[in-house]
Amino acid sequence: MSGAVDPRACLEAIEHLYDYLDGELTPEREAAVKAHLGTCAYCFSLFGFEHAYLRFLEARARAQEIPPALRRRILDTLLEGGAAERP
């Protein structure tokens, strides 16, 4: 990674970082962000932190199970609300 930083390229990469992490960019934009991350130590470190944080949140969400009684109450509430909206 080079030491030269182009602030405009950094702003663009950071602006699209979450979409990049979620795989929601066009192939061209994804390639541009990936290329920038390969040359910019600052943005690469930010990417590394955000990537690790998102994986942590995903693992935590999978580990937390909704109790069956609460799941049933939510479903009942949704079904009751849907019935009330029908003519």
PDB file of N, CA and C in Angstrom:
ATOM      1  N   MET A   1       0.848  -1.187   0.000  1.00  0.00           N
ATOM      2  CA  MET A   1       0.000   0.000   0.000  1.00  0.00           C
ATOM      3  C   MET A   1       0.883   1.236   0.000  1.00  0.00           C
ATOM      4  N   SER A   2       0.502   2.172  -0.775  1.00  0.00           N
ATOM      5  CA  SER A   2       1.309   3.379  -0.901  1.00  0.00           C
ATOM      6  C   SER A   2       0.986   4.367   0.208  1.00  0.00           C
ATOM      7  N   GLY A   3       1.868   5.326   0.394  1.00  0.00           N
ATOM      8  CA  GLY A   3       1.653   6.336   1.408  1.00  0.00           C
ATOM      9  C   GLY A   3       0.839   7.508   0.909  1.00  0.00           C
ATOM     10  N   ALA A   4       0.741   7.685  -0.422  1.00  0.00           N
ATOM     11  CA  ALA A   4       0.003   8.808  -0.995  1.00  0.00           C
ATOM     12  C   ALA A   4      -1.495   8.570  -0.864  1.00  0.00           C
ATOM     13  N   VAL A   5      -2.197   9.574  -0.385  1.00  0.00           N
ATOM     14  CA  VAL A   5      -3.638   9.456  -0.168  1.00  0.00           C
ATOM     15  C   VAL A   5      -4.355  10.499  -1.007  1.00  0.00           C
ATOM     16  N   ASP A   6      -5.325  10.057  -1.785  1.00  0.00           N
ATOM     17  CA  ASP A   6      -6.170  10.958  -2.562  1.00  0.00           C
ATOM     18  C   ASP A   6      -7.461  11.129  -1.770  1.00  0.00           C
ATOM     19  N   PRO A   7      -7.678  12.275  -1.141  1.00  0.00           N
ATOM     20  CA  PRO A   7      -8.858  12.456  -0.288  1.00  0.00           C
ATOM     21  C   PRO A   7     -10.178  12.197  -1.006  1.00  0.00           C
ATOM     22  N   ARG A   8     -10.248  12.547  -2.294  1.00  0.00           N
ATOM     23  CA  ARG A   8     -11.501  12.304  -3.033  1.00  0.00           C
ATOM     24  C   ARG A   8     -11.761  10.819  -3.193  1.00  0.00           C
ATOM     25  N   ALA A   9     -10.726  10.056  -3.462  1.00  0.00           N
ATOM     26  CA  ALA A   9     -10.875   8.602  -3.598  1.00  0.00           C
ATOM     27  C   ALA A   9     -11.259   7.987  -2.255  1.00  0.00           C
ATOM     28  N   CYS A  10     -10.689   8.509  -1.181  1.00  0.00           N
ATOM     29  CA  CYS A  10     -11.038   8.021   0.157  1.00  0.00           C
ATOM     30  C   CYS A  10     -12.508   8.295   0.466  1.00  0.00           C
ATOM     31  N   LEU A  11     -12.958   9.509   0.187  1.00  0.00           N
ATOM     32  CA  LEU A  11     -14.358   9.855   0.449  1.00  0.00           C
ATOM     33  C   LEU A  11     -15.300   8.956  -0.334  1.00  0.00           C
ATOM     34  N   GLU A  12     -14.971   8.704  -1.584  1.00  0.00           N
ATOM     35  CA  GLU A  12     -15.817   7.847  -2.410  1.00  0.00           C
ATOM     36  C   GLU A  12     -15.815   6.414  -1.883  1.00  0.00           C
ATOM     37  N   ALA A  13     -14.660   5.902  -1.524  1.00  0.00           N
ATOM     38  CA  ALA A  13     -14.575   4.536  -1.000  1.00  0.00           C
ATOM     39  C   ALA A  13     -15.352   4.419   0.303  1.00  0.00           C
ATOM     40  N   ILE A  14     -15.189   5.389   1.192  1.00  0.00           N
ATOM     41  CA  ILE A  14     -15.882   5.354   2.477  1.00  0.00           C
ATOM     42  C   ILE A  14     -17.389   5.486   2.276  1.00  0.00           C
ATOM     43  N   GLU A  15     -17.798   6.311   1.325  1.00  0.00           N
ATOM     44  CA  GLU A  15     -19.218   6.493   1.037  1.00  0.00           C
ATOM     45  C   GLU A  15     -19.875   5.179   0.608  1.00  0.00           C
ATOM     46  N   HIS A  16     -19.123   4.325  -0.068  1.00  0.00           N
ATOM     47  CA  HIS A  16     -19.668   3.069  -0.587  1.00  0.00           C
ATOM     48  C   HIS A  16     -19.242   1.849   0.233  1.00  0.00           C
ATOM     49  N   LEU A  17     -18.611   2.066   1.371  1.00  0.00           N
ATOM     50  CA  LEU A  17     -18.047   0.962   2.141  1.00  0.00           C
ATOM     51  C   LEU A  17     -19.101  -0.041   2.592  1.00  0.00           C
ATOM     52  N   TYR A  18     -20.217   0.422   3.137  1.00  0.00           N
ATOM     53  CA  TYR A  18     -21.226  -0.519   3.622  1.00  0.00           C
ATOM     54  C   TYR A  18     -21.882  -1.277   2.485  1.00  0.00           C
ATOM     55  N   ASP A  19     -22.113  -0.608   1.363  1.00  0.00           N
ATOM     56  CA  ASP A  19     -22.654  -1.310   0.199  1.00  0.00           C
ATOM     57  C   ASP A  19     -21.646  -2.336  -0.311  1.00  0.00           C
ATOM     58  N   TYR A  20     -20.366  -2.005  -0.232  1.00  0.00           N
ATOM     59  CA  TYR A  20     -19.312  -2.941  -0.623  1.00  0.00           C
ATOM     60  C   TYR A  20     -19.336  -4.154   0.295  1.00  0.00           C
ATOM     61  N   LEU A  21     -19.413  -3.922   1.581  1.00  0.00           N
ATOM     62  CA  LEU A  21     -19.449  -5.026   2.544  1.00  0.00           C
ATOM     63  C   LEU A  21     -20.684  -5.904   2.353  1.00  0.00           C
ATOM     64  N   ASP A  22     -21.782  -5.299   1.951  1.00  0.00           N
ATOM     65  CA  ASP A  22     -23.026  -6.045   1.759  1.00  0.00           C
ATOM     66  C   ASP A  22     -23.138  -6.645   0.364  1.00  0.00           C
ATOM     67  N   GLY A  23     -22.159  -6.398  -0.507  1.00  0.00           N
ATOM     68  CA  GLY A  23     -22.187  -6.933  -1.857  1.00  0.00           C
ATOM     69  C   GLY A  23     -23.267  -6.308  -2.720  1.00  0.00           C
ATOM     70  N   GLU A  24     -23.543  -5.022  -2.494  1.00  0.00           N
ATOM     71  CA  GLU A  24     -24.641  -4.349  -3.184  1.00  0.00           C
ATOM     72  C   GLU A  24     -24.177  -3.318  -4.219  1.00  0.00           C
ATOM     73  N   LEU A  25     -22.921  -3.377  -4.616  1.00  0.00           N
ATOM     74  CA  LEU A  25     -22.410  -2.426  -5.606  1.00  0.00           C
ATOM     75  C   LEU A  25     -22.425  -3.046  -6.998  1.00  0.00           C
ATOM     76  N   THR A  26     -22.431  -2.172  -7.999  1.00  0.00           N
ATOM     77  CA  THR A  26     -22.254  -2.649  -9.363  1.00  0.00           C
ATOM     78  C   THR A  26     -20.849  -3.230  -9.467  1.00  0.00           C
ATOM     79  N   PRO A  27     -20.613  -4.126 -10.417  1.00  0.00           N
ATOM     80  CA  PRO A  27     -19.263  -4.688 -10.563  1.00  0.00           C
ATOM     81  C   PRO A  27     -18.180  -3.623 -10.750  1.00  0.00           C
ATOM     82  N   GLU A  28     -18.512  -2.563 -11.467  1.00  0.00           N
ATOM     83  CA  GLU A  28     -17.532  -1.503 -11.707  1.00  0.00           C
ATOM     84  C   GLU A  28     -17.193  -0.758 -10.417  1.00  0.00           C
ATOM     85  N   ARG A  29     -18.236  -0.385  -9.655  1.00  0.00           N
ATOM     86  CA  ARG A  29     -18.026   0.342  -8.401  1.00  0.00           C
ATOM     87  C   ARG A  29     -17.299  -0.556  -7.396  1.00  0.00           C
ATOM     88  N   GLU A  30     -17.673  -1.827  -7.349  1.00  0.00           N
ATOM     89  CA  GLU A  30     -17.007  -2.769  -6.445  1.00  0.00           C
ATOM     90  C   GLU A  30     -15.520  -2.870  -6.768  1.00  0.00           C
ATOM     91  N   ALA A  31     -15.200  -2.951  -8.051  1.00  0.00           N
ATOM     92  CA  ALA A  31     -13.797  -3.026  -8.463  1.00  0.00           C
ATOM     93  C   ALA A  31     -13.041  -1.765  -8.063  1.00  0.00           C
ATOM     94  N   ALA A  32     -13.690  -0.601  -8.186  1.00  0.00           N
ATOM     95  CA  ALA A  32     -13.038   0.660  -7.823  1.00  0.00           C
ATOM     96  C   ALA A  32     -12.768   0.723  -6.323  1.00  0.00           C
ATOM     97  N   VAL A  33     -13.745   0.323  -5.521  1.00  0.00           N
ATOM     98  CA  VAL A  33     -13.559   0.338  -4.066  1.00  0.00           C
ATOM     99  C   VAL A  33     -12.474  -0.659  -3.674  1.00  0.00           C
ATOM    100  N   LYS A  34     -12.521  -1.853  -4.261  1.00  0.00           N
ATOM    101  CA  LYS A  34     -11.519  -2.882  -3.955  1.00  0.00           C
ATOM    102  C   LYS A  34     -10.116  -2.400  -4.326  1.00  0.00           C
ATOM    103  N   ALA A  35      -9.996  -1.757  -5.471  1.00  0.00           N
ATOM    104  CA  ALA A  35      -8.693  -1.232  -5.889  1.00  0.00           C
ATOM    105  C   ALA A  35      -8.204  -0.176  -4.907  1.00  0.00           C
ATOM    106  N   HIS A  36      -9.099   0.702  -4.468  1.00  0.00           N
ATOM    107  CA  HIS A  36      -8.701   1.736  -3.515  1.00  0.00           C
ATOM    108  C   HIS A  36      -8.264   1.117  -2.192  1.00  0.00           C
ATOM    109  N   LEU A  37      -9.024   0.129  -1.720  1.00  0.00           N
ATOM    110  CA  LEU A  37      -8.663  -0.523  -0.452  1.00  0.00           C
ATOM    111  C   LEU A  37      -7.299  -1.196  -0.546  1.00  0.00           C
ATOM    112  N   GLY A  38      -6.925  -1.603  -1.755  1.00  0.00           N
ATOM    113  CA  GLY A  38      -5.623  -2.233  -1.947  1.00  0.00           C
ATOM    114  C   GLY A  38      -4.458  -1.263  -1.943  1.00  0.00           C
ATOM    115  N   THR A  39      -4.761   0.032  -2.040  1.00  0.00           N
ATOM    116  CA  THR A  39      -3.686   1.027  -2.096  1.00  0.00           C
ATOM    117  C   THR A  39      -3.702   2.024  -0.947  1.00  0.00           C
ATOM    118  N   CYS A  40      -4.773   2.040  -0.175  1.00  0.00           N
ATOM    119  CA  CYS A  40      -4.898   3.043   0.885  1.00  0.00           C
ATOM    120  C   CYS A  40      -4.953   2.364   2.250  1.00  0.00           C
ATOM    121  N   ALA A  41      -3.913   2.537   3.026  1.00  0.00           N
ATOM    122  CA  ALA A  41      -3.834   1.900   4.343  1.00  0.00           C
ATOM    123  C   ALA A  41      -4.939   2.394   5.278  1.00  0.00           C
ATOM    124  N   TYR A  42      -5.261   3.676   5.214  1.00  0.00           N
ATOM    125  CA  TYR A  42      -6.298   4.228   6.099  1.00  0.00           C
ATOM    126  C   TYR A  42      -7.650   3.582   5.813  1.00  0.00           C
ATOM    127  N   CYS A  43      -8.060   3.588   4.547  1.00  0.00           N
ATOM    128  CA  CYS A  43      -9.367   3.025   4.198  1.00  0.00           C
ATOM    129  C   CYS A  43      -9.392   1.524   4.423  1.00  0.00           C
ATOM    130  N   PHE A  44      -8.263   0.861   4.166  1.00  0.00           N
ATOM    131  CA  PHE A  44      -8.198  -0.574   4.398  1.00  0.00           C
ATOM    132  C   PHE A  44      -8.388  -0.901   5.881  1.00  0.00           C
ATOM    133  N   SER A  45      -7.805  -0.094   6.751  1.00  0.00           N
ATOM    134  CA  SER A  45      -7.977  -0.336   8.184  1.00  0.00           C
ATOM    135  C   SER A  45      -9.423  -0.075   8.605  1.00  0.00           C
ATOM    136  N   LEU A  46     -10.046   0.942   8.033  1.00  0.00           N
ATOM    137  CA  LEU A  46     -11.451   1.220   8.309  1.00  0.00           C
ATOM    138  C   LEU A  46     -12.318   0.064   7.822  1.00  0.00           C
ATOM    139  N   PHE A  47     -12.027  -0.436   6.631  1.00  0.00           N
ATOM    140  CA  PHE A  47     -12.735  -1.588   6.091  1.00  0.00           C
ATOM    141  C   PHE A  47     -12.582  -2.787   7.017  1.00  0.00           C
ATOM    142  N   GLY A  48     -11.367  -3.035   7.479  1.00  0.00           N
ATOM    143  CA  GLY A  48     -11.122  -4.180   8.369  1.00  0.00           C
ATOM    144  C   GLY A  48     -11.933  -4.085   9.640  1.00  0.00           C
ATOM    145  N   PHE A  49     -11.993  -2.896  10.220  1.00  0.00           N
ATOM    146  CA  PHE A  49     -12.774  -2.707  11.446  1.00  0.00           C
ATOM    147  C   PHE A  49     -14.252  -2.938  11.174  1.00  0.00           C
ATOM    148  N   GLU A  50     -14.780  -2.301  10.130  1.00  0.00           N
ATOM    149  CA  GLU A  50     -16.209  -2.411   9.823  1.00  0.00           C
ATOM    150  C   GLU A  50     -16.580  -3.846   9.466  1.00  0.00           C
ATOM    151  N   HIS A  51     -15.724  -4.525   8.732  1.00  0.00           N
ATOM    152  CA  HIS A  51     -15.976  -5.917   8.363  1.00  0.00           C
ATOM    153  C   HIS A  51     -16.046  -6.791   9.618  1.00  0.00           C
ATOM    154  N   ALA A  52     -15.091  -6.630  10.506  1.00  0.00           N
ATOM    155  CA  ALA A  52     -15.082  -7.411  11.744  1.00  0.00           C
ATOM    156  C   ALA A  52     -16.292  -7.087  12.606  1.00  0.00           C
ATOM    157  N   TYR A  53     -16.677  -5.824  12.680  1.00  0.00           N
ATOM    158  CA  TYR A  53     -17.827  -5.413  13.484  1.00  0.00           C
ATOM    159  C   TYR A  53     -19.128  -6.003  12.934  1.00  0.00           C
ATOM    160  N   LEU A  54     -19.297  -5.977  11.624  1.00  0.00           N
ATOM    161  CA  LEU A  54     -20.502  -6.557  11.027  1.00  0.00           C
ATOM    162  C   LEU A  54     -20.567  -8.063  11.268  1.00  0.00           C
ATOM    163  N   ARG A  55     -19.447  -8.743  11.161  1.00  0.00           N
ATOM    164  CA  ARG A  55     -19.421 -10.194  11.431  1.00  0.00           C
ATOM    165  C   ARG A  55     -19.768 -10.462  12.894  1.00  0.00           C
ATOM    166  N   PHE A  56     -19.272  -9.625  13.795  1.00  0.00           N
ATOM    167  CA  PHE A  56     -19.602  -9.759  15.210  1.00  0.00           C
ATOM    168  C   PHE A  56     -21.105  -9.605  15.425  1.00  0.00           C
ATOM    169  N   LEU A  57     -21.701  -8.577  14.811  1.00  0.00           N
ATOM    170  CA  LEU A  57     -23.141  -8.351  14.964  1.00  0.00           C
ATOM    171  C   LEU A  57     -23.954  -9.508  14.387  1.00  0.00           C
ATOM    172  N   GLU A  58     -23.528 -10.028  13.243  1.00  0.00           N
ATOM    173  CA  GLU A  58     -24.226 -11.160  12.640  1.00  0.00           C
ATOM    174  C   GLU A  58     -24.162 -12.382  13.537  1.00  0.00           C
ATOM    175  N   ALA A  59     -22.994 -12.658  14.103  1.00  0.00           N
ATOM    176  CA  ALA A  59     -22.845 -13.808  14.994  1.00  0.00           C
ATOM    177  C   ALA A  59     -23.683 -13.626  16.253  1.00  0.00           C
ATOM    178  N   ARG A  60     -23.708 -12.427  16.766  1.00  0.00           N
ATOM    179  CA  ARG A  60     -24.489 -12.144  17.971  1.00  0.00           C
ATOM    180  C   ARG A  60     -25.983 -12.313  17.693  1.00  0.00           C
ATOM    181  N   ALA A  61     -26.436 -11.859  16.542  1.00  0.00           N
ATOM    182  CA  ALA A  61     -27.854 -11.983  16.188  1.00  0.00           C
ATOM    183  C   ALA A  61     -28.239 -13.446  16.029  1.00  0.00           C
ATOM    184  N   ARG A  62     -27.359 -14.252  15.439  1.00  0.00           N
ATOM    185  CA  ARG A  62     -27.655 -15.676  15.294  1.00  0.00           C
ATOM    186  C   ARG A  62     -27.707 -16.369  16.649  1.00  0.00           C
ATOM    187  N   ALA A  63     -26.909 -15.906  17.600  1.00  0.00           N
ATOM    188  CA  ALA A  63     -26.836 -16.543  18.910  1.00  0.00           C
ATOM    189  C   ALA A  63     -28.045 -16.209  19.787  1.00  0.00           C
ATOM    190  N   GLN A  64     -28.714 -15.113  19.494  1.00  0.00           N
ATOM    191  CA  GLN A  64     -29.860 -14.701  20.297  1.00  0.00           C
ATOM    192  C   GLN A  64     -31.134 -15.247  19.682  1.00  0.00           C
ATOM    193  N   GLU A  65     -31.727 -16.189  20.370  1.00  0.00           N
ATOM    194  CA  GLU A  65     -32.950 -16.797  19.876  1.00  0.00           C
ATOM    195  C   GLU A  65     -34.157 -16.141  20.536  1.00  0.00           C
ATOM    196  N   ILE A  66     -35.196 -15.965  19.760  1.00  0.00           N
ATOM    197  CA  ILE A  66     -36.435 -15.387  20.287  1.00  0.00           C
ATOM    198  C   ILE A  66     -37.175 -16.488  21.041  1.00  0.00           C
ATOM    199  N   PRO A  67     -37.567 -16.237  22.292  1.00  0.00           N
ATOM    200  CA  PRO A  67     -38.313 -17.244  23.046  1.00  0.00           C
ATOM    201  C   PRO A  67     -39.614 -17.606  22.314  1.00  0.00           C
ATOM    202  N   PRO A  68     -39.993 -18.878  22.311  1.00  0.00           N
ATOM    203  CA  PRO A  68     -41.199 -19.312  21.591  1.00  0.00           C
ATOM    204  C   PRO A  68     -42.462 -18.542  21.981  1.00  0.00           C
ATOM    205  N   ALA A  69     -42.631 -18.216  23.264  1.00  0.00           N
ATOM    206  CA  ALA A  69     -43.829 -17.494  23.702  1.00  0.00           C
ATOM    207  C   ALA A  69     -43.870 -16.093  23.074  1.00  0.00           C
ATOM    208  N   LEU A  70     -42.733 -15.428  23.014  1.00  0.00           N
ATOM    209  CA  LEU A  70     -42.680 -14.096  22.400  1.00  0.00           C
ATOM    210  C   LEU A  70     -42.925 -14.198  20.903  1.00  0.00           C
ATOM    211  N   ARG A  71     -42.349 -15.183  20.266  1.00  0.00           N
ATOM    212  CA  ARG A  71     -42.560 -15.395  18.833  1.00  0.00           C
ATOM    213  C   ARG A  71     -44.052 -15.580  18.543  1.00  0.00           C
ATOM    214  N   ARG A  72     -44.730 -16.352  19.391  1.00  0.00           N
ATOM    215  CA  ARG A  72     -46.164 -16.606  19.219  1.00  0.00           C
ATOM    216  C   ARG A  72     -46.972 -15.314  19.398  1.00  0.00           C
ATOM    217  N   ARG A  73     -46.629 -14.521  20.413  1.00  0.00           N
ATOM    218  CA  ARG A  73     -47.329 -13.251  20.652  1.00  0.00           C
ATOM    219  C   ARG A  73     -47.177 -12.308  19.472  1.00  0.00           C
ATOM    220  N   ILE A  74     -45.970 -12.247  18.913  1.00  0.00           N
ATOM    221  CA  ILE A  74     -45.725 -11.384  17.758  1.00  0.00           C
ATOM    222  C   ILE A  74     -46.556 -11.849  16.574  1.00  0.00           C
ATOM    223  N   LEU A  75     -46.538 -13.136  16.317  1.00  0.00           N
ATOM    224  CA  LEU A  75     -47.306 -13.680  15.206  1.00  0.00           C
ATOM    225  C   LEU A  75     -48.802 -13.421  15.390  1.00  0.00           C
ATOM    226  N   ASP A  76     -49.303 -13.665  16.602  1.00  0.00           N
ATOM    227  CA  ASP A  76     -50.727 -13.408  16.880  1.00  0.00           C
ATOM    228  C   ASP A  76     -51.073 -11.935  16.663  1.00  0.00           C
ATOM    229  N   THR A  77     -50.213 -11.048  17.125  1.00  0.00           N
ATOM    230  CA  THR A  77     -50.449  -9.615  16.960  1.00  0.00           C
ATOM    231  C   THR A  77     -50.466  -9.231  15.486  1.00  0.00           C
ATOM    232  N   LEU A  78     -49.544  -9.768  14.721  1.00  0.00           N
ATOM    233  CA  LEU A  78     -49.501  -9.476  13.290  1.00  0.00           C
ATOM    234  C   LEU A  78     -50.754 -10.000  12.590  1.00  0.00           C
ATOM    235  N   LEU A  79     -51.158 -11.192  12.935  1.00  0.00           N
ATOM    236  CA  LEU A  79     -52.337 -11.773  12.304  1.00  0.00           C
ATOM    237  C   LEU A  79     -53.607 -10.997  12.682  1.00  0.00           C
ATOM    238  N   GLU A  80     -53.702 -10.586  13.928  1.00  0.00           N
ATOM    239  CA  GLU A  80     -54.856  -9.783  14.363  1.00  0.00           C
ATOM    240  C   GLU A  80     -54.885  -8.444  13.652  1.00  0.00           C
ATOM    241  N   GLY A  81     -53.735  -7.805  13.509  1.00  0.00           N
ATOM    242  CA  GLY A  81     -53.648  -6.515  12.836  1.00  0.00           C
ATOM    243  C   GLY A  81     -53.998  -6.628  11.369  1.00  0.00           C
ATOM    244  N   GLY A  82     -53.573  -7.714  10.744  1.00  0.00           N
ATOM    245  CA  GLY A  82     -53.888  -7.925   9.334  1.00  0.00           C
ATOM    246  C   GLY A  82     -55.363  -8.152   9.130  1.00  0.00           C
ATOM    247  N   ALA A  83     -56.004  -8.862  10.077  1.00  0.00           N
ATOM    248  CA  ALA A  83     -57.438  -9.132   9.962  1.00  0.00           C
ATOM    249  C   ALA A  83     -58.242  -7.850  10.128  1.00  0.00           C
ATOM    250  N   ALA A  84     -57.756  -6.951  10.980  1.00  0.00           N
ATOM    251  CA  ALA A  84     -58.482  -5.703  11.239  1.00  0.00           C
ATOM    252  C   ALA A  84     -58.448  -4.794  10.021  1.00  0.00           C
ATOM    253  N   GLU A  85     -57.413  -4.929   9.183  1.00  0.00           N
ATOM    254  CA  GLU A  85     -57.297  -4.050   8.034  1.00  0.00           C
ATOM    255  C   GLU A  85     -58.125  -4.539   6.849  1.00  0.00           C
ATOM    256  N   ARG A  86     -58.527  -5.790   6.863  1.00  0.00           N
ATOM    257  CA  ARG A  86     -59.317  -6.316   5.759  1.00  0.00           C
ATOM    258  C   ARG A  86     -60.757  -5.858   5.848  1.00  0.00           C
ATOM    259  N   PRO A  87     -61.429  -5.656   4.697  1.00  0.00           N
ATOM    260  CA  PRO A  87     -62.835  -5.188   4.713  1.00  0.00           C
ATOM    261  C   PRO A  87     -63.779  -6.267   5.199  1.00  0.00           C
TER     262      PRO A  87
END
